[in-house]
């Protein structure tokens, strides 16, 4: 079977600090403690990402 590769166009990049992500990290740690198993592909919500510093494209 042939696979088609689609190019990726970069639109925006945000810089996030550990402090900004701390609440999400704590949430994930609680889930790990409660379920006693690793997280399966955790995601950072776009709403949280957009609170970071926009580094690309530069204004």
Protein backbone atom coordinates (compact mmCIF):
# COMPACT_ATOMS: atom_id res chain seq x y z
CA UNK A 1 0.00 0.00 0.00
CA UNK A 2 1.35 3.45 -0.94
CA UNK A 3 1.16 6.25 1.58
CA UNK A 4 0.73 9.87 0.58
CA UNK A 5 2.88 12.31 2.52
CA UNK A 6 1.33 15.70 3.06
CA UNK A 7 3.68 18.61 3.82
CA UNK A 8 3.17 20.43 7.10
CA UNK A 9 2.86 24.22 7.05
CA UNK A 10 3.94 25.86 10.27
CA UNK A 11 1.46 28.54 11.31
CA UNK A 12 2.32 29.42 14.91
CA UNK A 13 4.77 28.41 17.65
CA UNK A 14 4.24 29.27 21.32
CA UNK A 15 6.80 29.16 24.13
CA UNK A 16 5.36 27.77 27.36
CA UNK A 17 7.04 27.95 30.75
CA UNK A 18 6.95 25.17 33.33
CA UNK A 19 5.02 27.55 35.61
CA UNK A 20 2.30 27.94 32.98
CA UNK A 21 2.06 24.17 32.60
CA UNK A 22 2.25 23.32 36.31
CA UNK A 23 -1.52 23.03 36.82
CA UNK A 24 -1.78 20.58 33.89
CA UNK A 25 1.22 18.60 35.20
CA UNK A 26 -0.45 18.30 38.61
CA UNK A 27 -3.67 17.12 36.98
CA UNK A 28 -1.75 14.42 35.08
CA UNK A 29 0.13 13.36 38.23
CA UNK A 30 -3.18 12.90 40.07
CA UNK A 31 -4.54 10.74 37.24
CA UNK A 32 -1.39 8.60 37.39
CA UNK A 33 -1.73 8.19 41.18
CA UNK A 34 -5.44 7.35 41.03
CA UNK A 35 -5.31 4.91 38.11
CA UNK A 36 -1.82 3.59 38.93
CA UNK A 37 -0.94 3.46 35.23
CA UNK A 38 0.86 5.76 32.78
CA UNK A 39 -0.97 8.41 30.80
CA UNK A 40 -1.80 7.48 27.24
CA UNK A 41 -0.68 10.30 24.92
CA UNK A 42 -1.65 13.31 27.09
CA UNK A 43 -2.56 16.51 25.26
CA UNK A 44 -2.04 20.16 26.19
CA UNK A 45 -5.24 22.10 25.36
CA UNK A 46 -4.89 24.81 22.70
CA UNK A 47 -6.53 27.29 25.09
CA UNK A 48 -3.59 26.78 27.48
CA UNK A 49 -0.98 26.87 24.69
CA UNK A 50 -2.25 30.26 23.53
CA UNK A 51 -1.48 31.70 26.99
CA UNK A 52 2.20 31.22 26.17
CA UNK A 53 4.49 33.60 24.29
CA UNK A 54 3.98 33.63 20.52
CA UNK A 55 7.43 33.21 18.96
CA UNK A 56 6.44 32.45 15.35
CA UNK A 57 5.43 34.29 13.35
CA UNK A 58 7.01 37.28 15.01
CA UNK A 59 4.74 40.32 15.25
